[in-house]
């Protein structure tokens, strides 16, 4: 399942995801902190969706109420996970 999520409240503009059998098989963040988001992408690729949500949901970026990892979790919830 391929999905594009428009982020809100972060420097990145959107996240492109591909999930097969509840495993993140491909992910790309557009915009944002390039090095950090490459790291997040490499870490979550191959992980079960539930593990990603349990580890990253609720992370904040500075004074913002959300972050790119938190937006990833919101995308996964919007996809039905």
Protein backbone atom coordinates (compact mmCIF):
# COMPACT_ATOMS: atom_id res chain seq x y z
CA UNK A 1 0.00 0.00 0.00
CA UNK A 2 1.46 3.36 -1.06
CA UNK A 3 0.45 6.53 0.72
CA UNK A 4 1.40 10.20 0.77
CA UNK A 5 0.74 12.22 3.92
CA UNK A 6 0.84 16.03 4.03
CA UNK A 7 2.51 16.95 7.30
CA UNK A 8 1.34 19.73 9.59
CA UNK A 9 3.44 21.81 12.00
CA UNK A 10 6.85 20.53 10.83
CA UNK A 11 9.57 21.64 8.44
CA UNK A 12 8.95 18.64 6.19
CA UNK A 13 6.11 19.09 3.72
CA UNK A 14 5.00 15.47 3.29
CA UNK A 15 5.89 11.83 3.85
CA UNK A 16 5.67 9.10 1.23
CA UNK A 17 5.17 5.59 2.64
CA UNK A 18 4.93 2.10 1.32
CA UNK A 19 3.71 -0.68 3.62
CA UNK A 20 3.36 -4.39 2.94
CA UNK A 21 2.09 -6.89 5.51
CA UNK A 22 2.29 -4.24 8.28
CA UNK A 23 6.00 -3.62 7.54
CA UNK A 24 7.34 -0.27 6.33
CA UNK A 25 9.07 -1.17 3.08
CA UNK A 26 9.86 2.34 1.82
CA UNK A 27 9.69 5.83 3.29
CA UNK A 28 10.74 9.32 2.22
CA UNK A 29 10.35 12.66 3.98
CA UNK A 30 10.28 15.79 1.78
CA UNK A 31 11.91 18.85 3.30
CA UNK A 32 12.91 19.10 6.93
CA UNK A 33 16.24 18.24 8.55
CA UNK A 34 17.82 16.11 5.84
CA UNK A 35 20.32 14.15 7.93
CA UNK A 36 17.94 13.43 10.79
CA UNK A 37 15.14 12.36 8.49
CA UNK A 38 17.44 10.09 6.49
CA UNK A 39 18.36 8.48 9.80
CA UNK A 40 14.74 8.07 10.88
CA UNK A 41 13.89 6.64 7.46
CA UNK A 42 16.68 4.07 7.57
CA UNK A 43 15.79 3.05 11.12
CA UNK A 44 12.08 2.48 10.49
CA UNK A 45 12.44 0.80 7.09
CA UNK A 46 11.78 -2.90 7.68
CA UNK A 47 10.05 -2.32 11.04
CA UNK A 48 6.52 -3.38 11.91
CA UNK A 49 4.11 -0.44 11.94
CA UNK A 50 3.11 -1.07 15.58
CA UNK A 51 6.74 -0.86 16.73
CA UNK A 52 7.23 2.43 14.90
CA UNK A 53 4.12 3.92 16.49
CA UNK A 54 5.03 2.76 20.00
CA UNK A 55 8.53 4.25 19.74
CA UNK A 56 7.89 7.52 17.92
CA UNK A 57 4.37 8.71 18.72
CA UNK A 58 4.22 11.90 20.77
CA UNK A 59 7.78 13.11 20.11
CA UNK A 60 7.92 16.90 20.04
CA UNK A 61 10.34 19.17 18.18
CA UNK A 62 11.37 22.07 20.39
CA UNK A 63 8.27 23.99 21.42
CA UNK A 64 6.16 22.50 18.68
CA UNK A 65 3.41 20.09 19.67
CA UNK A 66 4.58 17.59 17.04
CA UNK A 67 7.65 16.45 15.10
CA UNK A 68 8.47 14.61 11.89
CA UNK A 69 8.53 11.24 13.72
CA UNK A 70 5.18 12.08 15.35
CA UNK A 71 3.78 13.07 11.94
CA UNK A 72 4.87 9.68 10.64
CA UNK A 73 2.75 8.08 13.36
CA UNK A 74 -0.20 10.29 12.46
CA UNK A 75 0.17 9.18 8.84
CA UNK A 76 0.17 5.54 9.94
CA UNK A 77 -2.99 6.10 12.01
CA UNK A 78 -4.64 7.85 9.06
CA UNK A 79 -3.81 4.74 6.99
CA UNK A 80 -5.74 2.64 9.50
CA UNK A 81 -2.98 1.33 11.72
